[in-house]
Amino acid sequence: MTSDPRPATTLPDRQRQHPEIRPDGQPVTASASSVYAAYARDRVVAAQQAVDTHTTSAYNGCCLGCGRPGPCAELAAAEATLARYHRLPFRRPGSTLLDLTRTTDADQARFTWWRRSA
């Protein structure tokens, strides 16, 4: 049997004995992990806001946030960020539909049976 061709680990003895010490000799503190947790939380919140803003419309297939056809680059980047942090996007039912409270002249019927012709 041949020996392992990979080089031996170059970690100092102090690192092997105390895994909570970084290779540069600095101890890993709780603040470093809490800073990363806060950073990750901010990234997830920003990605969720982008998913809410850049939803693809069910009617015309365009992004409701920027108007580009299909899923836009911002939505793809936000979904990639959520996947990186092992999160699923929170979907809001009906968010791809038109706003029912907003009506314009184009939304109204041109002829109805209820309205009397002149």
PDB file of N, CA and C in Angstrom:
ATOM      1  N   MET A   1       0.847  -1.168   0.000  1.00  0.00           N
ATOM      2  CA  MET A   1       0.000   0.000   0.000  1.00  0.00           C
ATOM      3  C   MET A   1       0.894   1.233   0.000  1.00  0.00           C
ATOM      4  N   THR A   2       0.572   2.188  -0.884  1.00  0.00           N
ATOM      5  CA  THR A   2       1.384   3.398  -0.979  1.00  0.00           C
ATOM      6  C   THR A   2       0.916   4.431   0.033  1.00  0.00           C
ATOM      7  N   SER A   3       1.783   5.343   0.315  1.00  0.00           N
ATOM      8  CA  SER A   3       1.425   6.394   1.267  1.00  0.00           C
ATOM      9  C   SER A   3       0.520   7.417   0.581  1.00  0.00           C
ATOM     10  N   ASP A   4      -0.123   8.220   1.374  1.00  0.00           N
ATOM     11  CA  ASP A   4      -1.043   9.231   0.873  1.00  0.00           C
ATOM     12  C   ASP A   4      -0.256  10.318   0.144  1.00  0.00           C
ATOM     13  N   PRO A   5      -0.560  10.586  -1.146  1.00  0.00           N
ATOM     14  CA  PRO A   5       0.213  11.584  -1.895  1.00  0.00           C
ATOM     15  C   PRO A   5      -0.127  13.025  -1.524  1.00  0.00           C
ATOM     16  N   ARG A   6      -1.220  13.231  -0.811  1.00  0.00           N
ATOM     17  CA  ARG A   6      -1.595  14.593  -0.441  1.00  0.00           C
ATOM     18  C   ARG A   6      -0.643  15.127   0.618  1.00  0.00           C
ATOM     19  N   PRO A   7      -0.356  16.415   0.593  1.00  0.00           N
ATOM     20  CA  PRO A   7       0.541  16.964   1.612  1.00  0.00           C
ATOM     21  C   PRO A   7      -0.121  16.938   2.984  1.00  0.00           C
ATOM     22  N   ALA A   8       0.704  16.837   3.975  1.00  0.00           N
ATOM     23  CA  ALA A   8       0.191  16.829   5.345  1.00  0.00           C
ATOM     24  C   ALA A   8      -0.396  18.197   5.666  1.00  0.00           C
ATOM     25  N   THR A   9      -1.296  18.223   6.605  1.00  0.00           N
ATOM     26  CA  THR A   9      -1.893  19.498   6.990  1.00  0.00           C
ATOM     27  C   THR A   9      -0.828  20.397   7.590  1.00  0.00           C
ATOM     28  N   THR A  10      -0.960  21.656   7.320  1.00  0.00           N
ATOM     29  CA  THR A  10       0.036  22.613   7.793  1.00  0.00           C
ATOM     30  C   THR A  10      -0.464  23.423   8.976  1.00  0.00           C
ATOM     31  N   LEU A  11      -1.513  22.965   9.611  1.00  0.00           N
ATOM     32  CA  LEU A  11      -2.015  23.687  10.770  1.00  0.00           C
ATOM     33  C   LEU A  11      -1.040  23.557  11.926  1.00  0.00           C
ATOM     34  N   PRO A  12      -0.823  24.628  12.647  1.00  0.00           N
ATOM     35  CA  PRO A  12       0.049  24.520  13.812  1.00  0.00           C
ATOM     36  C   PRO A  12      -0.594  23.652  14.887  1.00  0.00           C
ATOM     37  N   ASP A  13       0.244  23.176  15.793  1.00  0.00           N
ATOM     38  CA  ASP A  13      -0.260  22.319  16.873  1.00  0.00           C
ATOM     39  C   ASP A  13      -1.320  23.034  17.697  1.00  0.00           C
ATOM     40  N   ARG A  14      -1.148  24.324  17.878  1.00  0.00           N
ATOM     41  CA  ARG A  14      -2.110  25.084  18.666  1.00  0.00           C
ATOM     42  C   ARG A  14      -3.496  25.040  18.008  1.00  0.00           C
ATOM     43  N   GLN A  15      -3.531  25.098  16.668  1.00  0.00           N
ATOM     44  CA  GLN A  15      -4.803  25.047  15.947  1.00  0.00           C
ATOM     45  C   GLN A  15      -5.440  23.665  16.073  1.00  0.00           C
ATOM     46  N   ARG A  16      -4.650  22.608  16.041  1.00  0.00           N
ATOM     47  CA  ARG A  16      -5.201  21.254  16.175  1.00  0.00           C
ATOM     48  C   ARG A  16      -5.780  21.036  17.562  1.00  0.00           C
ATOM     49  N   GLN A  17      -5.134  21.597  18.568  1.00  0.00           N
ATOM     50  CA  GLN A  17      -5.600  21.405  19.940  1.00  0.00           C
ATOM     51  C   GLN A  17      -6.814  22.276  20.243  1.00  0.00           C
ATOM     52  N   HIS A  18      -6.870  23.472  19.644  1.00  0.00           N
ATOM     53  CA  HIS A  18      -7.946  24.415  19.930  1.00  0.00           C
ATOM     54  C   HIS A  18      -8.596  24.851  18.616  1.00  0.00           C
ATOM     55  N   PRO A  19      -9.624  24.149  18.152  1.00  0.00           N
ATOM     56  CA  PRO A  19     -10.233  24.512  16.865  1.00  0.00           C
ATOM     57  C   PRO A  19     -10.947  25.859  16.901  1.00  0.00           C
ATOM     58  N   GLU A  20     -11.167  26.429  18.081  1.00  0.00           N
ATOM     59  CA  GLU A  20     -11.827  27.726  18.143  1.00  0.00           C
ATOM     60  C   GLU A  20     -10.858  28.870  17.870  1.00  0.00           C
ATOM     61  N   ILE A  21      -9.593  28.566  17.585  1.00  0.00           N
ATOM     62  CA  ILE A  21      -8.596  29.573  17.247  1.00  0.00           C
ATOM     63  C   ILE A  21      -8.377  29.530  15.740  1.00  0.00           C
ATOM     64  N   ARG A  22      -8.410  30.682  15.109  1.00  0.00           N
ATOM     65  CA  ARG A  22      -8.196  30.771  13.670  1.00  0.00           C
ATOM     66  C   ARG A  22      -6.750  30.458  13.328  1.00  0.00           C
ATOM     67  N   PRO A  23      -6.474  30.132  12.059  1.00  0.00           N
ATOM     68  CA  PRO A  23      -5.090  29.850  11.662  1.00  0.00           C
ATOM     69  C   PRO A  23      -4.135  31.019  11.881  1.00  0.00           C
ATOM     70  N   ASP A  24      -4.645  32.262  11.869  1.00  0.00           N
ATOM     71  CA  ASP A  24      -3.754  33.394  12.106  1.00  0.00           C
ATOM     72  C   ASP A  24      -3.506  33.644  13.590  1.00  0.00           C
ATOM     73  N   GLY A  25      -4.063  32.806  14.446  1.00  0.00           N
ATOM     74  CA  GLY A  25      -3.827  32.916  15.879  1.00  0.00           C
ATOM     75  C   GLY A  25      -4.884  33.694  16.626  1.00  0.00           C
ATOM     76  N   GLN A  26      -5.806  34.341  15.915  1.00  0.00           N
ATOM     77  CA  GLN A  26      -6.845  35.121  16.565  1.00  0.00           C
ATOM     78  C   GLN A  26      -7.982  34.201  17.008  1.00  0.00           C
ATOM     79  N   PRO A  27      -8.511  34.402  18.198  1.00  0.00           N
ATOM     80  CA  PRO A  27      -9.627  33.556  18.632  1.00  0.00           C
ATOM     81  C   PRO A  27     -10.915  33.932  17.903  1.00  0.00           C
ATOM     82  N   VAL A  28     -11.746  32.942  17.689  1.00  0.00           N
ATOM     83  CA  VAL A  28     -13.058  33.175  17.098  1.00  0.00           C
ATOM     84  C   VAL A  28     -13.973  33.632  18.217  1.00  0.00           C
ATOM     85  N   THR A  29     -14.544  34.794  18.050  1.00  0.00           N
ATOM     86  CA  THR A  29     -15.397  35.341  19.099  1.00  0.00           C
ATOM     87  C   THR A  29     -16.861  35.193  18.715  1.00  0.00           C
ATOM     88  N   ALA A  30     -17.704  35.354  19.692  1.00  0.00           N
ATOM     89  CA  ALA A  30     -19.138  35.276  19.439  1.00  0.00           C
ATOM     90  C   ALA A  30     -19.597  36.453  18.594  1.00  0.00           C
ATOM     91  N   SER A  31     -18.902  37.572  18.679  1.00  0.00           N
ATOM     92  CA  SER A  31     -19.320  38.731  17.902  1.00  0.00           C
ATOM     93  C   SER A  31     -19.122  38.501  16.404  1.00  0.00           C
ATOM     94  N   ALA A  32     -18.104  37.725  16.031  1.00  0.00           N
ATOM     95  CA  ALA A  32     -17.895  37.439  14.611  1.00  0.00           C
ATOM     96  C   ALA A  32     -19.062  36.639  14.051  1.00  0.00           C
ATOM     97  N   SER A  33     -19.543  35.674  14.802  1.00  0.00           N
ATOM     98  CA  SER A  33     -20.673  34.887  14.313  1.00  0.00           C
ATOM     99  C   SER A  33     -21.958  35.703  14.337  1.00  0.00           C
ATOM    100  N   SER A  34     -22.111  36.584  15.315  1.00  0.00           N
ATOM    101  CA  SER A  34     -23.322  37.404  15.347  1.00  0.00           C
ATOM    102  C   SER A  34     -23.308  38.449  14.237  1.00  0.00           C
ATOM    103  N   VAL A  35     -22.109  38.938  13.880  1.00  0.00           N
ATOM    104  CA  VAL A  35     -22.014  39.878  12.760  1.00  0.00           C
ATOM    105  C   VAL A  35     -22.391  39.170  11.462  1.00  0.00           C
ATOM    106  N   TYR A  36     -21.912  37.954  11.264  1.00  0.00           N
ATOM    107  CA  TYR A  36     -22.264  37.206  10.062  1.00  0.00           C
ATOM    108  C   TYR A  36     -23.758  36.888  10.040  1.00  0.00           C
ATOM    109  N   ALA A  37     -24.320  36.565  11.197  1.00  0.00           N
ATOM    110  CA  ALA A  37     -25.752  36.271  11.251  1.00  0.00           C
ATOM    111  C   ALA A  37     -26.568  37.509  10.889  1.00  0.00           C
ATOM    112  N   ALA A  38     -26.146  38.668  11.372  1.00  0.00           N
ATOM    113  CA  ALA A  38     -26.850  39.906  11.030  1.00  0.00           C
ATOM    114  C   ALA A  38     -26.710  40.210   9.541  1.00  0.00           C
ATOM    115  N   TYR A  39     -25.524  39.985   8.993  1.00  0.00           N
ATOM    116  CA  TYR A  39     -25.293  40.196   7.563  1.00  0.00           C
ATOM    117  C   TYR A  39     -26.169  39.254   6.734  1.00  0.00           C
ATOM    118  N   ALA A  40     -26.219  37.990   7.128  1.00  0.00           N
ATOM    119  CA  ALA A  40     -27.031  37.011   6.402  1.00  0.00           C
ATOM    120  C   ALA A  40     -28.510  37.362   6.502  1.00  0.00           C
ATOM    121  N   ARG A  41     -28.943  37.799   7.672  1.00  0.00           N
ATOM    122  CA  ARG A  41     -30.340  38.172   7.857  1.00  0.00           C
ATOM    123  C   ARG A  41     -30.701  39.359   6.959  1.00  0.00           C
ATOM    124  N   ASP A  42     -29.809  40.345   6.869  1.00  0.00           N
ATOM    125  CA  ASP A  42     -30.061  41.497   6.004  1.00  0.00           C
ATOM    126  C   ASP A  42     -30.133  41.086   4.537  1.00  0.00           C
ATOM    127  N   ARG A  43     -29.266  40.178   4.132  1.00  0.00           N
ATOM    128  CA  ARG A  43     -29.280  39.704   2.740  1.00  0.00           C
ATOM    129  C   ARG A  43     -30.577  38.960   2.432  1.00  0.00           C
ATOM    130  N   VAL A  44     -31.045  38.131   3.364  1.00  0.00           N
ATOM    131  CA  VAL A  44     -32.278  37.370   3.151  1.00  0.00           C
ATOM    132  C   VAL A  44     -33.476  38.315   3.083  1.00  0.00           C
ATOM    133  N   VAL A  45     -33.511  39.325   3.952  1.00  0.00           N
ATOM    134  CA  VAL A  45     -34.621  40.283   3.938  1.00  0.00           C
ATOM    135  C   VAL A  45     -34.628  41.073   2.631  1.00  0.00           C
ATOM    136  N   ALA A  46     -33.452  41.508   2.180  1.00  0.00           N
ATOM    137  CA  ALA A  46     -33.374  42.249   0.914  1.00  0.00           C
ATOM    138  C   ALA A  46     -33.780  41.369  -0.264  1.00  0.00           C
ATOM    139  N   ALA A  47     -33.398  40.108  -0.233  1.00  0.00           N
ATOM    140  CA  ALA A  47     -33.772  39.191  -1.311  1.00  0.00           C
ATOM    141  C   ALA A  47     -35.278  38.950  -1.315  1.00  0.00           C
ATOM    142  N   GLN A  48     -35.884  38.831  -0.136  1.00  0.00           N
ATOM    143  CA  GLN A  48     -37.327  38.632  -0.066  1.00  0.00           C
ATOM    144  C   GLN A  48     -38.067  39.864  -0.582  1.00  0.00           C
ATOM    145  N   GLN A  49     -37.557  41.052  -0.277  1.00  0.00           N
ATOM    146  CA  GLN A  49     -38.175  42.272  -0.797  1.00  0.00           C
ATOM    147  C   GLN A  49     -38.066  42.333  -2.318  1.00  0.00           C
ATOM    148  N   ALA A  50     -36.945  41.878  -2.856  1.00  0.00           N
ATOM    149  CA  ALA A  50     -36.784  41.851  -4.314  1.00  0.00           C
ATOM    150  C   ALA A  50     -37.735  40.842  -4.945  1.00  0.00           C
ATOM    151  N   VAL A  51     -37.948  39.709  -4.292  1.00  0.00           N
ATOM    152  CA  VAL A  51     -38.896  38.710  -4.805  1.00  0.00           C
ATOM    153  C   VAL A  51     -40.308  39.289  -4.798  1.00  0.00           C
ATOM    154  N   ASP A  52     -40.655  40.039  -3.742  1.00  0.00           N
ATOM    155  CA  ASP A  52     -41.982  40.650  -3.679  1.00  0.00           C
ATOM    156  C   ASP A  52     -42.163  41.726  -4.743  1.00  0.00           C
ATOM    157  N   THR A  53     -41.115  42.492  -5.007  1.00  0.00           N
ATOM    158  CA  THR A  53     -41.205  43.593  -5.964  1.00  0.00           C
ATOM    159  C   THR A  53     -41.178  43.098  -7.405  1.00  0.00           C
ATOM    160  N   HIS A  54     -40.311  42.159  -7.705  1.00  0.00           N
ATOM    161  CA  HIS A  54     -40.089  41.716  -9.088  1.00  0.00           C
ATOM    162  C   HIS A  54     -40.811  40.401  -9.376  1.00  0.00           C
ATOM    163  N   THR A  55     -42.091  40.379  -9.116  1.00  0.00           N
ATOM    164  CA  THR A  55     -42.911  39.210  -9.403  1.00  0.00           C
ATOM    165  C   THR A  55     -43.346  39.251 -10.863  1.00  0.00           C
ATOM    166  N   THR A  56     -43.349  38.112 -11.515  1.00  0.00           N
ATOM    167  CA  THR A  56     -43.776  38.041 -12.913  1.00  0.00           C
ATOM    168  C   THR A  56     -45.297  38.003 -12.971  1.00  0.00           C
ATOM    169  N   SER A  57     -45.881  38.874 -13.781  1.00  0.00           N
ATOM    170  CA  SER A  57     -47.329  38.990 -13.881  1.00  0.00           C
ATOM    171  C   SER A  57     -47.928  37.745 -14.521  1.00  0.00           C
ATOM    172  N   ALA A  58     -49.100  37.354 -14.043  1.00  0.00           N
ATOM    173  CA  ALA A  58     -49.787  36.199 -14.604  1.00  0.00           C
ATOM    174  C   ALA A  58     -50.468  36.551 -15.930  1.00  0.00           C
ATOM    175  N   TYR A  59     -50.707  37.826 -16.193  1.00  0.00           N
ATOM    176  CA  TYR A  59     -51.440  38.228 -17.390  1.00  0.00           C
ATOM    177  C   TYR A  59     -50.553  38.389 -18.612  1.00  0.00           C
ATOM    178  N   ASN A  60     -49.461  39.140 -18.461  1.00  0.00           N
ATOM    179  CA  ASN A  60     -48.643  39.419 -19.638  1.00  0.00           C
ATOM    180  C   ASN A  60     -47.238  38.839 -19.551  1.00  0.00           C
ATOM    181  N   GLY A  61     -46.863  38.232 -18.445  1.00  0.00           N
ATOM    182  CA  GLY A  61     -45.556  37.611 -18.309  1.00  0.00           C
ATOM    183  C   GLY A  61     -44.416  38.578 -18.077  1.00  0.00           C
ATOM    184  N   CYS A  62     -44.722  39.835 -17.793  1.00  0.00           N
ATOM    185  CA  CYS A  62     -43.680  40.833 -17.536  1.00  0.00           C
ATOM    186  C   CYS A  62     -43.492  41.018 -16.036  1.00  0.00           C
ATOM    187  N   CYS A  63     -42.308  41.482 -15.676  1.00  0.00           N
ATOM    188  CA  CYS A  63     -41.991  41.754 -14.278  1.00  0.00           C
ATOM    189  C   CYS A  63     -42.812  42.953 -13.811  1.00  0.00           C
ATOM    190  N   LEU A  64     -43.443  42.848 -12.647  1.00  0.00           N
ATOM    191  CA  LEU A  64     -44.240  43.949 -12.128  1.00  0.00           C
ATOM    192  C   LEU A  64     -43.367  45.065 -11.571  1.00  0.00           C
ATOM    193  N   GLY A  65     -42.107  44.776 -11.262  1.00  0.00           N
ATOM    194  CA  GLY A  65     -41.223  45.785 -10.700  1.00  0.00           C
ATOM    195  C   GLY A  65     -40.535  46.628 -11.747  1.00  0.00           C
ATOM    196  N   CYS A  66     -40.028  45.994 -12.800  1.00  0.00           N
ATOM    197  CA  CYS A  66     -39.245  46.738 -13.795  1.00  0.00           C
ATOM    198  C   CYS A  66     -39.841  46.670 -15.196  1.00  0.00           C
ATOM    199  N   GLY A  67     -40.833  45.814 -15.431  1.00  0.00           N
ATOM    200  CA  GLY A  67     -41.497  45.759 -16.727  1.00  0.00           C
ATOM    201  C   GLY A  67     -40.809  44.913 -17.775  1.00  0.00           C
ATOM    202  N   ARG A  68     -39.725  44.253 -17.444  1.00  0.00           N
ATOM    203  CA  ARG A  68     -39.033  43.397 -18.414  1.00  0.00           C
ATOM    204  C   ARG A  68     -39.812  42.101 -18.601  1.00  0.00           C
ATOM    205  N   PRO A  69     -39.749  41.512 -19.788  1.00  0.00           N
ATOM    206  CA  PRO A  69     -40.467  40.250 -19.998  1.00  0.00           C
ATOM    207  C   PRO A  69     -39.808  39.099 -19.248  1.00  0.00           C
ATOM    208  N   GLY A  70     -40.659  38.230 -18.745  1.00  0.00           N
ATOM    209  CA  GLY A  70     -40.162  37.044 -18.049  1.00  0.00           C
ATOM    210  C   GLY A  70     -39.565  37.370 -16.699  1.00  0.00           C
ATOM    211  N   PRO A  71     -39.013  36.381 -16.028  1.00  0.00           N
ATOM    212  CA  PRO A  71     -38.334  36.663 -14.761  1.00  0.00           C
ATOM    213  C   PRO A  71     -37.093  37.519 -15.031  1.00  0.00           C
ATOM    214  N   CYS A  72     -36.999  38.657 -14.365  1.00  0.00           N
ATOM    215  CA  CYS A  72     -35.886  39.580 -14.607  1.00  0.00           C
ATOM    216  C   CYS A  72     -34.637  39.125 -13.849  1.00  0.00           C
ATOM    217  N   ALA A  73     -33.541  39.809 -14.111  1.00  0.00           N
ATOM    218  CA  ALA A  73     -32.259  39.459 -13.493  1.00  0.00           C
ATOM    219  C   ALA A  73     -32.287  39.695 -11.985  1.00  0.00           C
ATOM    220  N   GLU A  74     -33.017  40.718 -11.537  1.00  0.00           N
ATOM    221  CA  GLU A  74     -33.107  40.990 -10.100  1.00  0.00           C
ATOM    222  C   GLU A  74     -33.807  39.845  -9.372  1.00  0.00           C
ATOM    223  N   LEU A  75     -34.861  39.307  -9.984  1.00  0.00           N
ATOM    224  CA  LEU A  75     -35.568  38.179  -9.379  1.00  0.00           C
ATOM    225  C   LEU A  75     -34.679  36.944  -9.336  1.00  0.00           C
ATOM    226  N   ALA A  76     -33.939  36.697 -10.405  1.00  0.00           N
ATOM    227  CA  ALA A  76     -33.036  35.540 -10.433  1.00  0.00           C
ATOM    228  C   ALA A  76     -31.936  35.679  -9.388  1.00  0.00           C
ATOM    229  N   ALA A  77     -31.397  36.886  -9.225  1.00  0.00           N
ATOM    230  CA  ALA A  77     -30.355  37.104  -8.216  1.00  0.00           C
ATOM    231  C   ALA A  77     -30.913  36.948  -6.808  1.00  0.00           C
ATOM    232  N   ALA A  78     -32.135  37.427  -6.587  1.00  0.00           N
ATOM    233  CA  ALA A  78     -32.746  37.292  -5.263  1.00  0.00           C
ATOM    234  C   ALA A  78     -33.026  35.829  -4.933  1.00  0.00           C
ATOM    235  N   GLU A  79     -33.499  35.071  -5.913  1.00  0.00           N
ATOM    236  CA  GLU A  79     -33.748  33.652  -5.669  1.00  0.00           C
ATOM    237  C   GLU A  79     -32.446  32.894  -5.444  1.00  0.00           C
ATOM    238  N   ALA A  80     -31.372  33.305  -6.114  1.00  0.00           N
ATOM    239  CA  ALA A  80     -30.066  32.678  -5.882  1.00  0.00           C
ATOM    240  C   ALA A  80     -29.562  32.985  -4.477  1.00  0.00           C
ATOM    241  N   THR A  81     -29.790  34.202  -4.003  1.00  0.00           N
ATOM    242  CA  THR A  81     -29.389  34.565  -2.638  1.00  0.00           C
ATOM    243  C   THR A  81     -30.163  33.744  -1.620  1.00  0.00           C
ATOM    244  N   LEU A  82     -31.462  33.601  -1.825  1.00  0.00           N
ATOM    245  CA  LEU A  82     -32.261  32.796  -0.899  1.00  0.00           C
ATOM    246  C   LEU A  82     -31.819  31.340  -0.927  1.00  0.00           C
ATOM    247  N   ALA A  83     -31.475  30.827  -2.088  1.00  0.00           N
ATOM    248  CA  ALA A  83     -31.002  29.443  -2.180  1.00  0.00           C
ATOM    249  C   ALA A  83     -29.650  29.284  -1.486  1.00  0.00           C
ATOM    250  N   ARG A  84     -28.803  30.311  -1.567  1.00  0.00           N
ATOM    251  CA  ARG A  84     -27.489  30.251  -0.924  1.00  0.00           C
ATOM    252  C   ARG A  84     -27.621  30.134   0.594  1.00  0.00           C
ATOM    253  N   TYR A  85     -28.658  30.774   1.142  1.00  0.00           N
ATOM    254  CA  TYR A  85     -28.880  30.721   2.586  1.00  0.00           C
ATOM    255  C   TYR A  85     -29.918  29.667   2.971  1.00  0.00           C
ATOM    256  N   HIS A  86     -30.239  28.776   2.045  1.00  0.00           N
ATOM    257  CA  HIS A  86     -31.161  27.652   2.282  1.00  0.00           C
ATOM    258  C   HIS A  86     -32.525  28.139   2.765  1.00  0.00           C
ATOM    259  N   ARG A  87     -33.047  29.152   2.089  1.00  0.00           N
ATOM    260  CA  ARG A  87     -34.362  29.690   2.410  1.00  0.00           C
ATOM    261  C   ARG A  87     -35.260  29.577   1.188  1.00  0.00           C
ATOM    262  N   LEU A  88     -36.536  29.410   1.426  1.00  0.00           N
ATOM    263  CA  LEU A  88     -37.515  29.437   0.351  1.00  0.00           C
ATOM    264  C   LEU A  88     -38.181  30.806   0.351  1.00  0.00           C
ATOM    265  N   PRO A  89     -38.472  31.355  -0.819  1.00  0.00           N
ATOM    266  CA  PRO A  89     -39.144  32.658  -0.835  1.00  0.00           C
ATOM    267  C   PRO A  89     -40.566  32.526  -0.320  1.00  0.00           C
ATOM    268  N   PHE A  90     -40.987  33.519   0.434  1.00  0.00           N
ATOM    269  CA  PHE A  90     -42.353  33.549   0.945  1.00  0.00           C
ATOM    270  C   PHE A  90     -43.233  34.137  -0.143  1.00  0.00           C
ATOM    271  N   ARG A  91     -44.168  33.357  -0.635  1.00  0.00           N
ATOM    272  CA  ARG A  91     -45.046  33.807  -1.721  1.00  0.00           C
ATOM    273  C   ARG A  91     -46.344  34.339  -1.136  1.00  0.00           C
ATOM    274  N   ARG A  92     -46.847  35.389  -1.743  1.00  0.00           N
ATOM    275  CA  ARG A  92     -48.117  35.965  -1.329  1.00  0.00           C
ATOM    276  C   ARG A  92     -49.154  35.647  -2.408  1.00  0.00           C
ATOM    277  N   PRO A  93     -50.202  34.904  -2.078  1.00  0.00           N
ATOM    278  CA  PRO A  93     -51.196  34.538  -3.084  1.00  0.00           C
ATOM    279  C   PRO A  93     -51.854  35.776  -3.694  1.00  0.00           C
ATOM    280  N   GLY A  94     -51.987  35.763  -4.994  1.00  0.00           N
ATOM    281  CA  GLY A  94     -52.625  36.863  -5.696  1.00  0.00           C
ATOM    282  C   GLY A  94     -51.707  38.010  -6.041  1.00  0.00           C
ATOM    283  N   SER A  95     -50.431  37.917  -5.719  1.00  0.00           N
ATOM    284  CA  SER A  95     -49.530  39.039  -5.990  1.00  0.00           C
ATOM    285  C   SER A  95     -49.230  39.194  -7.476  1.00  0.00           C
ATOM    286  N   THR A  96     -49.474  38.168  -8.279  1.00  0.00           N
ATOM    287  CA  THR A  96     -49.226  38.283  -9.718  1.00  0.00           C
ATOM    288  C   THR A  96     -50.443  38.803 -10.467  1.00  0.00           C
ATOM    289  N   LEU A  97     -51.560  38.977  -9.779  1.00  0.00           N
ATOM    290  CA  LEU A  97     -52.779  39.450 -10.427  1.00  0.00           C
ATOM    291  C   LEU A  97     -52.831  40.970 -10.398  1.00  0.00           C
ATOM    292  N   LEU A  98     -53.712  41.535 -11.203  1.00  0.00           N
ATOM    293  CA  LEU A  98     -53.859  42.986 -11.224  1.00  0.00           C
ATOM    294  C   LEU A  98     -54.467  43.476  -9.921  1.00  0.00           C
ATOM    295  N   ASP A  99     -54.186  44.717  -9.596  1.00  0.00           N
ATOM    296  CA  ASP A  99     -54.757  45.337  -8.408  1.00  0.00           C
ATOM    297  C   ASP A  99     -56.237  45.611  -8.679  1.00  0.00           C
ATOM    298  N   LEU A 100     -57.114  44.985  -7.909  1.00  0.00           N
ATOM    299  CA  LEU A 100     -58.543  45.105  -8.165  1.00  0.00           C
ATOM    300  C   LEU A 100     -59.094  46.464  -7.765  1.00  0.00           C
ATOM    301  N   THR A 101     -58.407  47.203  -6.913  1.00  0.00           N
ATOM    302  CA  THR A 101     -58.896  48.514  -6.506  1.00  0.00           C
ATOM    303  C   THR A 101     -58.575  49.579  -7.543  1.00  0.00           C
ATOM    304  N   ARG A 102     -57.653  49.300  -8.452  1.00  0.00           N
ATOM    305  CA  ARG A 102     -57.251  50.266  -9.467  1.00  0.00           C
ATOM    306  C   ARG A 102     -58.064  50.010 -10.736  1.00  0.00           C
ATOM    307  N   THR A 103     -58.854  50.967 -11.133  1.00  0.00           N
ATOM    308  CA  THR A 103     -59.623  50.833 -12.367  1.00  0.00           C
ATOM    309  C   THR A 103     -59.363  52.045 -13.239  1.00  0.00           C
ATOM    310  N   THR A 104     -59.276  51.821 -14.506  1.00  0.00           N
ATOM    311  CA  THR A 104     -59.108  52.905 -15.476  1.00  0.00           C
ATOM    312  C   THR A 104     -60.195  52.768 -16.523  1.00  0.00           C
ATOM    313  N   ASP A 105     -60.240  53.714 -17.428  1.00  0.00           N
ATOM    314  CA  ASP A 105     -61.238  53.649 -18.499  1.00  0.00           C
ATOM    315  C   ASP A 105     -61.029  52.427 -19.380  1.00  0.00           C
ATOM    316  N   ALA A 106     -59.792  52.002 -19.526  1.00  0.00           N
ATOM    317  CA  ALA A 106     -59.513  50.846 -20.372  1.00  0.00           C
ATOM    318  C   ALA A 106     -60.036  49.555 -19.747  1.00  0.00           C
ATOM    319  N   ASP A 107     -60.202  49.549 -18.422  1.00  0.00           N
ATOM    320  CA  ASP A 107     -60.674  48.352 -17.748  1.00  0.00           C
ATOM    321  C   ASP A 107     -62.194  48.207 -17.812  1.00  0.00           C
ATOM    322  N   GLN A 108     -62.921  49.294 -18.102  1.00  0.00           N
ATOM    323  CA  GLN A 108     -64.372  49.232 -18.093  1.00  0.00           C
ATOM    324  C   GLN A 108     -64.889  48.671 -19.417  1.00  0.00           C
ATOM    325  N   ALA A 109     -66.010  48.011 -19.340  1.00  0.00           N
ATOM    326  CA  ALA A 109     -66.614  47.449 -20.542  1.00  0.00           C
ATOM    327  C   ALA A 109     -67.156  48.575 -21.423  1.00  0.00           C
ATOM    328  N   ARG A 110     -67.020  48.398 -22.729  1.00  0.00           N
ATOM    329  CA  ARG A 110     -67.482  49.436 -23.651  1.00  0.00           C
ATOM    330  C   ARG A 110     -69.007  49.369 -23.849  1.00  0.00           C
ATOM    331  N   PHE A 111     -69.566  48.209 -23.703  1.00  0.00           N
ATOM    332  CA  PHE A 111     -71.005  48.062 -23.891  1.00  0.00           C
ATOM    333  C   PHE A 111     -71.524  47.087 -22.846  1.00  0.00           C
ATOM    334  N   THR A 112     -72.588  47.476 -22.218  1.00  0.00           N
ATOM    335  CA  THR A 112     -73.218  46.566 -21.269  1.00  0.00           C
ATOM    336  C   THR A 112     -74.711  46.527 -21.555  1.00  0.00           C
ATOM    337  N   TRP A 113     -75.342  45.494 -21.163  1.00  0.00           N
ATOM    338  CA  TRP A 113     -76.780  45.366 -21.336  1.00  0.00           C
ATOM    339  C   TRP A 113     -77.522  46.274 -20.370  1.00  0.00           C
ATOM    340  N   TRP A 114     -76.863  46.654 -19.292  1.00  0.00           N
ATOM    341  CA  TRP A 114     -77.537  47.458 -18.287  1.00  0.00           C
ATOM    342  C   TRP A 114     -77.607  48.929 -18.687  1.00  0.00           C
ATOM    343  N   ARG A 115     -76.680  49.354 -19.497  1.00  0.00           N
ATOM    344  CA  ARG A 115     -76.661  50.753 -19.895  1.00  0.00           C
ATOM    345  C   ARG A 115     -77.501  50.912 -21.167  1.00  0.00           C
ATOM    346  N   ARG A 116     -78.289  51.904 -21.170  1.00  0.00           N
ATOM    347  CA  ARG A 116     -79.184  52.122 -22.304  1.00  0.00           C
ATOM    348  C   ARG A 116     -78.441  52.843 -23.420  1.00  0.00           C
ATOM    349  N   SER A 117     -78.595  52.372 -24.622  1.00  0.00           N
ATOM    350  CA  SER A 117     -77.956  53.026 -25.760  1.00  0.00           C
ATOM    351  C   SER A 117     -78.632  54.360 -26.017  1.00  0.00           C
ATOM    352  N   ALA A 118     -77.875  55.313 -26.488  1.00  0.00           N
ATOM    353  CA  ALA A 118     -78.420  56.645 -26.762  1.00  0.00           C
ATOM    354  C   ALA A 118     -79.287  56.573 -27.956  1.00  0.00           C
TER     355      ALA A 118
END
